Amino acid sequence: MKRLDGKTAVITGGATGIGLAAAKRFVAEGAFVFIFGRRQDALDAAIAELGPNVRAIKGSVSDESDLDRLYAAVKAERGSLDIVVANAGAGSMLPLGEITARHIDETFDTNVKGTIFTVQKALPLMAPGASIILTGSSAGTTGAPGMTAYSASKAAVRNLARTWAEDLKGTGIRVNVLSPGATATDLAKDALGEEGQKAFAAMTPLQRMADPAEIAAVAAFLASPDSSFMTGSEVAADGGLAQL
């Protein structure tokens, strides 16, 4: 039996990057997956790649009505929900002295508010044994120039798991954080270029960036009964970047 046989999962930011890799791994493990994202072209491409056990819903985690549509679709087709991966994220660099209110709002609306409502609106569909996975970042632990808003938002995500582990006592629902380091998604490769990728790779003891499939493997562990005694935890899949 596959680890996620019969399970229903929602993955926000699921059409590209780590989210897409997680969707692919979850399907391979037997899950039925709803992916949620803002770009219809990316959602269509993901559906074509992932096959019949996936549904795509277009929307933004910063829009509560979009999230309502997502969970209405889950309820209508599947009735309940076993796994939520709150993966949608946003971030750009601005050094101290140039930070704007708009920059902060855009980052926190997606990474913090979006994560909160992604999880809160999912809860009525979740039962004992369900797993919530929040995508954090090594940036939530380390310091880097120009990363004020993004790093602070990911530090907030880390605390959400600690707080929610308390809030969810007695429900049987687990919540954990998966914190990647530099990951070679298509977006990251395009943004960094070859030299930038080499620079990020050199920062880690493993001397390379992660493949998205490696992060997805950790997500599958956290989604499965193999992690049944874990809640409130952070799993760092960062090549050692934030550990030394």
C-alpha atoms as a PDB file:
ATOM      1  CA  MET A   1       0.000   0.000   0.000  1.00  0.00           C
ATOM      2  CA  LYS A   2       1.203   3.498  -0.823  1.00  0.00           C
ATOM      3  CA  ARG A   3       1.612   5.905   2.096  1.00  0.00           C
ATOM      4  CA  LEU A   4      -1.111   8.329   0.987  1.00  0.00           C
ATOM      5  CA  ASP A   5      -3.620   5.899  -0.517  1.00  0.00           C
ATOM      6  CA  GLY A   6      -7.134   7.329  -0.370  1.00  0.00           C
ATOM      7  CA  LYS A   7      -5.991  10.657   1.079  1.00  0.00           C
ATOM      8  CA  THR A   8      -7.177  14.033  -0.191  1.00  0.00           C
ATOM      9  CA  ALA A   9      -4.676  16.892  -0.256  1.00  0.00           C
ATOM     10  CA  VAL A  10      -4.725  20.610  -0.979  1.00  0.00           C
ATOM     11  CA  ILE A  11      -1.503  22.304  -2.063  1.00  0.00           C
ATOM     12  CA  THR A  12      -1.480  26.074  -2.457  1.00  0.00           C
ATOM     13  CA  GLY A  13       1.090  27.403  -4.875  1.00  0.00           C
ATOM     14  CA  GLY A  14       0.786  23.934  -6.356  1.00  0.00           C
ATOM     15  CA  ALA A  15       1.252  24.662 -10.041  1.00  0.00           C
ATOM     16  CA  THR A  16       4.984  25.363 -10.018  1.00  0.00           C
ATOM     17  CA  GLY A  17       8.186  24.815  -8.068  1.00  0.00           C
ATOM     18  CA  ILE A  18       8.072  23.033  -4.734  1.00  0.00           C
ATOM     19  CA  GLY A  19       4.274  22.896  -4.797  1.00  0.00           C
ATOM     20  CA  LEU A  20       4.217  21.120  -8.142  1.00  0.00           C
ATOM     21  CA  ALA A  21       6.918  18.696  -7.004  1.00  0.00           C
ATOM     22  CA  ALA A  22       4.875  17.954  -3.859  1.00  0.00           C
ATOM     23  CA  ALA A  23       1.749  17.370  -5.943  1.00  0.00           C
ATOM     24  CA  LYS A  24       3.648  14.953  -8.154  1.00  0.00           C
ATOM     25  CA  ARG A  25       5.006  13.050  -5.144  1.00  0.00           C
ATOM     26  CA  PHE A  26       1.623  12.944  -3.400  1.00  0.00           C
ATOM     27  CA  VAL A  27      -0.055  11.519  -6.514  1.00  0.00           C
ATOM     28  CA  ALA A  28       2.688   8.895  -6.768  1.00  0.00           C
ATOM     29  CA  GLU A  29       1.997   8.033  -3.109  1.00  0.00           C
ATOM     30  CA  GLY A  30      -1.722   7.500  -3.863  1.00  0.00           C
ATOM     31  CA  ALA A  31      -3.305  10.853  -2.958  1.00  0.00           C
ATOM     32  CA  PHE A  32      -5.994  12.831  -4.765  1.00  0.00           C
ATOM     33  CA  VAL A  33      -4.699  16.408  -4.971  1.00  0.00           C
ATOM     34  CA  PHE A  34      -6.237  19.849  -5.418  1.00  0.00           C
ATOM     35  CA  ILE A  35      -3.684  22.414  -6.574  1.00  0.00           C
ATOM     36  CA  PHE A  36      -4.402  26.106  -6.084  1.00  0.00           C
ATOM     37  CA  GLY A  37      -2.630  28.995  -7.796  1.00  0.00           C
ATOM     38  CA  ARG A  38      -3.019  32.345  -9.485  1.00  0.00           C
ATOM     39  CA  ARG A  39      -1.958  31.535 -13.058  1.00  0.00           C
ATOM     40  CA  GLN A  40      -4.333  29.556 -15.243  1.00  0.00           C
ATOM     41  CA  ASP A  41      -1.623  28.672 -17.767  1.00  0.00           C
ATOM     42  CA  ALA A  42       0.547  27.138 -15.033  1.00  0.00           C
ATOM     43  CA  LEU A  43      -2.427  25.258 -13.580  1.00  0.00           C
ATOM     44  CA  ASP A  44      -3.328  23.859 -17.005  1.00  0.00           C
ATOM     45  CA  ALA A  45       0.263  22.724 -17.609  1.00  0.00           C
ATOM     46  CA  ALA A  46       0.376  21.086 -14.177  1.00  0.00           C
ATOM     47  CA  ILE A  47      -2.870  19.187 -14.775  1.00  0.00           C
ATOM     48  CA  ALA A  48      -1.544  17.927 -18.089  1.00  0.00           C
ATOM     49  CA  GLU A  49       1.589  16.665 -16.332  1.00  0.00           C
ATOM     50  CA  LEU A  50       0.004  15.249 -13.182  1.00  0.00           C
ATOM     51  CA  GLY A  51      -2.917  13.282 -14.579  1.00  0.00           C
ATOM     52  CA  PRO A  52      -6.487  12.430 -13.581  1.00  0.00           C
ATOM     53  CA  ASN A  53      -6.141  12.420  -9.793  1.00  0.00           C
ATOM     54  CA  VAL A  54      -5.581  16.179  -9.660  1.00  0.00           C
ATOM     55  CA  ARG A  55      -7.916  19.161  -9.795  1.00  0.00           C
ATOM     56  CA  ALA A  56      -6.855  22.771 -10.311  1.00  0.00           C
ATOM     57  CA  ILE A  57      -8.554  25.790  -8.762  1.00  0.00           C
ATOM     58  CA  LYS A  58      -7.500  29.300  -9.749  1.00  0.00           C
ATOM     59  CA  GLY A  59      -7.215  31.883  -6.989  1.00  0.00           C
ATOM     60  CA  SER A  60      -5.080  33.741  -4.490  1.00  0.00           C
ATOM     61  CA  VAL A  61      -4.526  32.834  -0.840  1.00  0.00           C
ATOM     62  CA  SER A  62      -4.824  36.525   0.005  1.00  0.00           C
ATOM     63  CA  ASP A  63      -8.462  36.490  -1.191  1.00  0.00           C
ATOM     64  CA  GLU A  64     -10.784  34.749   1.272  1.00  0.00           C
ATOM     65  CA  SER A  65     -13.504  34.246  -1.331  1.00  0.00           C
ATOM     66  CA  ASP A  66     -11.036  32.364  -3.543  1.00  0.00           C
ATOM     67  CA  LEU A  67     -10.191  30.076  -0.627  1.00  0.00           C
ATOM     68  CA  ASP A  68     -13.905  29.532  -0.012  1.00  0.00           C
ATOM     69  CA  ARG A  69     -14.270  28.373  -3.628  1.00  0.00           C
ATOM     70  CA  LEU A  70     -11.325  26.024  -3.201  1.00  0.00           C
ATOM     71  CA  TYR A  71     -12.738  24.296  -0.149  1.00  0.00           C
ATOM     72  CA  ALA A  72     -16.252  24.198  -1.601  1.00  0.00           C
ATOM     73  CA  ALA A  73     -14.778  22.257  -4.535  1.00  0.00           C
ATOM     74  CA  VAL A  74     -12.965  19.880  -2.172  1.00  0.00           C
ATOM     75  CA  LYS A  75     -16.136  19.273  -0.156  1.00  0.00           C
ATOM     76  CA  ALA A  76     -18.279  18.745  -3.254  1.00  0.00           C
ATOM     77  CA  GLU A  77     -15.983  16.154  -4.837  1.00  0.00           C
ATOM     78  CA  ARG A  78     -14.258  14.488  -1.894  1.00  0.00           C
ATOM     79  CA  GLY A  79     -16.270  15.332   1.206  1.00  0.00           C
ATOM     80  CA  SER A  80     -13.281  15.685   3.532  1.00  0.00           C
ATOM     81  CA  LEU A  81      -9.629  16.666   3.581  1.00  0.00           C
ATOM     82  CA  ASP A  82      -6.588  14.858   4.994  1.00  0.00           C
ATOM     83  CA  ILE A  83      -3.611  17.045   4.053  1.00  0.00           C
ATOM     84  CA  VAL A  84      -3.109  20.778   3.626  1.00  0.00           C
ATOM     85  CA  VAL A  85       0.178  22.126   2.325  1.00  0.00           C
ATOM     86  CA  ALA A  86       0.130  25.908   2.824  1.00  0.00           C
ATOM     87  CA  ASN A  87       2.897  26.502   0.330  1.00  0.00           C
ATOM     88  CA  ALA A  88       1.969  29.683  -1.554  1.00  0.00           C
ATOM     89  CA  GLY A  89       4.574  32.336  -0.909  1.00  0.00           C
ATOM     90  CA  ALA A  90       5.882  35.646  -2.138  1.00  0.00           C
ATOM     91  CA  GLY A  91       8.960  37.706  -1.530  1.00  0.00           C
ATOM     92  CA  SER A  92      11.351  40.207  -3.018  1.00  0.00           C
ATOM     93  CA  MET A  93      14.427  41.983  -1.759  1.00  0.00           C
ATOM     94  CA  LEU A  94      14.518  45.554  -0.475  1.00  0.00           C
ATOM     95  CA  PRO A  95      17.269  46.849   1.829  1.00  0.00           C
ATOM     96  CA  LEU A  96      16.548  48.649   5.061  1.00  0.00           C
ATOM     97  CA  GLY A  97      15.990  52.305   4.187  1.00  0.00           C
ATOM     98  CA  GLU A  98      14.017  51.473   1.026  1.00  0.00           C
ATOM     99  CA  ILE A  99      11.241  49.302   2.471  1.00  0.00           C
ATOM    100  CA  THR A 100       7.720  50.454   1.601  1.00  0.00           C
ATOM    101  CA  ALA A 101       4.322  49.733   3.143  1.00  0.00           C
ATOM    102  CA  ARG A 102       3.256  48.134  -0.149  1.00  0.00           C
ATOM    103  CA  HIS A 103       6.248  45.786  -0.074  1.00  0.00           C
ATOM    104  CA  ILE A 104       5.397  44.668   3.466  1.00  0.00           C
ATOM    105  CA  ASP A 105       1.688  44.286   2.688  1.00  0.00           C
ATOM    106  CA  GLU A 106       2.317  42.186  -0.432  1.00  0.00           C
ATOM    107  CA  THR A 107       4.678  39.860   1.431  1.00  0.00           C
ATOM    108  CA  PHE A 108       2.623  39.444   4.591  1.00  0.00           C
ATOM    109  CA  ASP A 109      -0.723  39.197   2.774  1.00  0.00           C
ATOM    110  CA  THR A 110       0.498  36.049   1.038  1.00  0.00           C
ATOM    111  CA  ASN A 111       2.940  34.501   3.490  1.00  0.00           C
ATOM    112  CA  VAL A 112       1.177  35.191   6.783  1.00  0.00           C
ATOM    113  CA  LYS A 113      -2.458  36.177   6.218  1.00  0.00           C
ATOM    114  CA  GLY A 114      -2.732  33.737   3.330  1.00  0.00           C
ATOM    115  CA  THR A 115      -1.304  30.908   5.415  1.00  0.00           C
ATOM    116  CA  ILE A 116      -3.635  31.658   8.313  1.00  0.00           C
ATOM    117  CA  PHE A 117      -6.790  31.605   6.207  1.00  0.00           C
ATOM    118  CA  THR A 118      -5.640  28.655   4.099  1.00  0.00           C
ATOM    119  CA  VAL A 119      -5.505  26.605   7.291  1.00  0.00           C
ATOM    120  CA  GLN A 120      -8.431  28.121   9.161  1.00  0.00           C
ATOM    121  CA  LYS A 121     -10.854  27.578   6.270  1.00  0.00           C
ATOM    122  CA  ALA A 122      -9.657  23.982   5.819  1.00  0.00           C
ATOM    123  CA  LEU A 123     -10.314  22.911   9.415  1.00  0.00           C
ATOM    124  CA  PRO A 124     -14.047  22.092   9.061  1.00  0.00           C
ATOM    125  CA  LEU A 125     -13.110  19.444   6.458  1.00  0.00           C
ATOM    126  CA  MET A 126     -10.306  17.884   8.520  1.00  0.00           C
ATOM    127  CA  ALA A 127     -10.526  14.983  10.970  1.00  0.00           C
ATOM    128  CA  PRO A 128      -8.200  13.228  13.445  1.00  0.00           C
ATOM    129  CA  GLY A 129      -5.067  12.023  11.687  1.00  0.00           C
ATOM    130  CA  ALA A 130      -5.002  14.958   9.259  1.00  0.00           C
ATOM    131  CA  SER A 131      -1.747  16.768   8.602  1.00  0.00           C
ATOM    132  CA  ILE A 132      -1.090  20.466   8.006  1.00  0.00           C
ATOM    133  CA  ILE A 133       2.263  21.411   6.476  1.00  0.00           C
ATOM    134  CA  LEU A 134       3.389  25.037   6.394  1.00  0.00           C
ATOM    135  CA  THR A 135       6.175  26.005   4.016  1.00  0.00           C
ATOM    136  CA  GLY A 136       8.720  27.991   5.957  1.00  0.00           C
ATOM    137  CA  SER A 137      12.256  28.883   4.885  1.00  0.00           C
ATOM    138  CA  SER A 138      15.799  28.891   6.132  1.00  0.00           C
ATOM    139  CA  ALA A 139      15.403  32.675   5.816  1.00  0.00           C
ATOM    140  CA  GLY A 140      13.124  32.560   8.851  1.00  0.00           C
ATOM    141  CA  THR A 141      16.106  31.527  10.973  1.00  0.00           C
ATOM    142  CA  THR A 142      19.067  33.207   9.329  1.00  0.00           C
ATOM    143  CA  GLY A 143      19.736  36.847   8.518  1.00  0.00           C
ATOM    144  CA  ALA A 144      20.427  38.175   5.048  1.00  0.00           C
ATOM    145  CA  PRO A 145      20.637  41.707   3.654  1.00  0.00           C
ATOM    146  CA  GLY A 146      17.537  42.968   1.908  1.00  0.00           C
ATOM    147  CA  MET A 147      15.321  40.189   3.275  1.00  0.00           C
ATOM    148  CA  THR A 148      13.516  42.047   6.075  1.00  0.00           C
ATOM    149  CA  ALA A 149       9.907  41.401   5.036  1.00  0.00           C
ATOM    150  CA  TYR A 150      10.382  37.909   3.641  1.00  0.00           C
ATOM    151  CA  SER A 151      12.488  36.648   6.561  1.00  0.00           C
ATOM    152  CA  ALA A 152      10.125  38.135   9.138  1.00  0.00           C
ATOM    153  CA  SER A 153       7.127  36.572   7.394  1.00  0.00           C
ATOM    154  CA  LYS A 154       8.744  33.127   7.431  1.00  0.00           C
ATOM    155  CA  ALA A 155       9.692  33.518  11.086  1.00  0.00           C
ATOM    156  CA  ALA A 156       5.995  34.220  11.677  1.00  0.00           C
ATOM    157  CA  VAL A 157       5.073  31.026   9.815  1.00  0.00           C
ATOM    158  CA  ARG A 158       7.348  29.066  12.128  1.00  0.00           C
ATOM    159  CA  ASN A 159       5.504  30.459  15.139  1.00  0.00           C
ATOM    160  CA  LEU A 160       2.105  29.703  13.619  1.00  0.00           C
ATOM    161  CA  ALA A 161       2.910  25.994  13.837  1.00  0.00           C
ATOM    162  CA  ARG A 162       3.852  26.275  17.505  1.00  0.00           C
ATOM    163  CA  THR A 163       0.687  28.215  18.318  1.00  0.00           C
ATOM    164  CA  TRP A 164      -1.604  25.974  16.274  1.00  0.00           C
ATOM    165  CA  ALA A 165      -0.161  22.820  17.807  1.00  0.00           C
ATOM    166  CA  GLU A 166      -1.600  24.193  21.054  1.00  0.00           C
ATOM    167  CA  ASP A 167      -4.874  25.306  19.449  1.00  0.00           C
ATOM    168  CA  LEU A 168      -5.343  21.857  17.876  1.00  0.00           C
ATOM    169  CA  LYS A 169      -4.805  19.868  21.067  1.00  0.00           C
ATOM    170  CA  GLY A 170      -7.347  17.087  21.293  1.00  0.00           C
ATOM    171  CA  THR A 171      -8.331  17.219  17.606  1.00  0.00           C
ATOM    172  CA  GLY A 172      -5.800  14.683  16.327  1.00  0.00           C
ATOM    173  CA  ILE A 173      -4.752  17.167  13.633  1.00  0.00           C
ATOM    174  CA  ARG A 174      -1.009  17.749  13.347  1.00  0.00           C
ATOM    175  CA  VAL A 175       0.763  20.880  12.082  1.00  0.00           C
ATOM    176  CA  ASN A 176       4.432  21.134  11.148  1.00  0.00           C
ATOM    177  CA  VAL A 177       6.736  23.425   9.200  1.00  0.00           C
ATOM    178  CA  LEU A 178       8.875  22.361   6.254  1.00  0.00           C
ATOM    179  CA  SER A 179      11.696  24.858   5.783  1.00  0.00           C
ATOM    180  CA  PRO A 180      13.680  24.536   2.558  1.00  0.00           C
ATOM    181  CA  GLY A 181      16.894  26.303   1.790  1.00  0.00           C
ATOM    182  CA  ALA A 182      17.881  27.383  -1.713  1.00  0.00           C
ATOM    183  CA  THR A 183      15.952  25.172  -4.129  1.00  0.00           C
ATOM    184  CA  ALA A 184      16.502  24.904  -7.862  1.00  0.00           C
ATOM    185  CA  THR A 185      12.983  25.677  -9.018  1.00  0.00           C
ATOM    186  CA  ASP A 186      12.536  27.100 -12.503  1.00  0.00           C
ATOM    187  CA  LEU A 187      11.757  30.497 -10.961  1.00  0.00           C
ATOM    188  CA  ALA A 188      14.899  30.442  -8.817  1.00  0.00           C
ATOM    189  CA  LYS A 189      17.105  29.365 -11.714  1.00  0.00           C
ATOM    190  CA  ASP A 190      15.749  32.134 -13.940  1.00  0.00           C
ATOM    191  CA  ALA A 191      16.113  34.748 -11.187  1.00  0.00           C
ATOM    192  CA  LEU A 192      19.595  33.751 -10.040  1.00  0.00           C
ATOM    193  CA  GLY A 193      21.274  32.784 -13.279  1.00  0.00           C
ATOM    194  CA  GLU A 194      24.172  30.361 -13.370  1.00  0.00           C
ATOM    195  CA  GLU A 195      26.486  32.426 -11.187  1.00  0.00           C
ATOM    196  CA  GLY A 196      23.799  33.096  -8.607  1.00  0.00           C
ATOM    197  CA  GLN A 197      23.002  29.398  -8.360  1.00  0.00           C
ATOM    198  CA  LYS A 198      26.672  28.653  -7.783  1.00  0.00           C
ATOM    199  CA  ALA A 199      26.820  31.279  -5.047  1.00  0.00           C
ATOM    200  CA  PHE A 200      23.807  29.844  -3.224  1.00  0.00           C
ATOM    201  CA  ALA A 201      25.133  26.311  -3.618  1.00  0.00           C
ATOM    202  CA  ALA A 202      28.442  27.344  -2.051  1.00  0.00           C
ATOM    203  CA  MET A 203      26.638  28.556   1.096  1.00  0.00           C
ATOM    204  CA  THR A 204      25.523  25.061   2.095  1.00  0.00           C
ATOM    205  CA  PRO A 205      27.659  22.251   3.534  1.00  0.00           C
ATOM    206  CA  LEU A 206      26.308  19.988   0.774  1.00  0.00           C
ATOM    207  CA  GLN A 207      27.597  22.509  -1.791  1.00  0.00           C
ATOM    208  CA  ARG A 208      24.501  22.455  -3.971  1.00  0.00           C
ATOM    209  CA  MET A 209      20.929  23.665  -4.181  1.00  0.00           C
ATOM    210  CA  ALA A 210      18.059  21.284  -3.493  1.00  0.00           C
ATOM    211  CA  ASP A 211      16.100  19.616  -6.229  1.00  0.00           C
ATOM    212  CA  PRO A 212      12.366  20.368  -5.706  1.00  0.00           C
ATOM    213  CA  ALA A 213      11.756  16.601  -5.588  1.00  0.00           C
ATOM    214  CA  GLU A 214      13.931  16.390  -2.455  1.00  0.00           C
ATOM    215  CA  ILE A 215      11.719  18.927  -0.680  1.00  0.00           C
ATOM    216  CA  ALA A 216       8.631  17.081  -1.912  1.00  0.00           C
ATOM    217  CA  ALA A 217       9.935  13.865  -0.351  1.00  0.00           C
ATOM    218  CA  VAL A 218      10.029  15.561   3.050  1.00  0.00           C
ATOM    219  CA  ALA A 219       6.519  16.924   2.481  1.00  0.00           C
ATOM    220  CA  ALA A 220       5.309  13.385   1.766  1.00  0.00           C
ATOM    221  CA  PHE A 221       6.855  12.216   5.047  1.00  0.00           C
ATOM    222  CA  LEU A 222       5.100  14.972   6.987  1.00  0.00           C
ATOM    223  CA  ALA A 223       1.821  14.208   5.218  1.00  0.00           C
ATOM    224  CA  SER A 224       1.995  10.501   5.972  1.00  0.00           C
ATOM    225  CA  PRO A 225       1.485   8.387   9.112  1.00  0.00           C
ATOM    226  CA  ASP A 226       5.283   8.010   9.252  1.00  0.00           C
ATOM    227  CA  SER A 227       5.344  11.392  11.046  1.00  0.00           C
ATOM    228  CA  SER A 228       2.370  10.597  13.292  1.00  0.00           C
ATOM    229  CA  PHE A 229       4.118  11.695  16.514  1.00  0.00           C
ATOM    230  CA  MET A 230       5.233  15.060  15.148  1.00  0.00           C
ATOM    231  CA  THR A 231       3.435  18.349  15.668  1.00  0.00           C
ATOM    232  CA  GLY A 232       4.666  21.889  16.203  1.00  0.00           C
ATOM    233  CA  SER A 233       7.975  20.849  14.663  1.00  0.00           C
ATOM    234  CA  GLU A 234      10.163  22.363  11.974  1.00  0.00           C
ATOM    235  CA  VAL A 235      11.947  20.104   9.503  1.00  0.00           C
ATOM    236  CA  ALA A 236      14.870  21.896   7.851  1.00  0.00           C
ATOM    237  CA  ALA A 237      15.533  20.592   4.343  1.00  0.00           C
ATOM    238  CA  ASP A 238      18.194  23.169   3.672  1.00  0.00           C
ATOM    239  CA  GLY A 239      21.437  21.314   3.026  1.00  0.00           C
ATOM    240  CA  GLY A 240      22.634  22.466   6.443  1.00  0.00           C
ATOM    241  CA  LEU A 241      22.403  26.149   5.551  1.00  0.00           C
ATOM    242  CA  ALA A 242      20.659  27.306   8.733  1.00  0.00           C
ATOM    243  CA  GLN A 243      22.090  24.610  10.973  1.00  0.00           C
ATOM    244  CA  LEU A 244      25.722  25.652  11.312  1.00  0.00           C
END
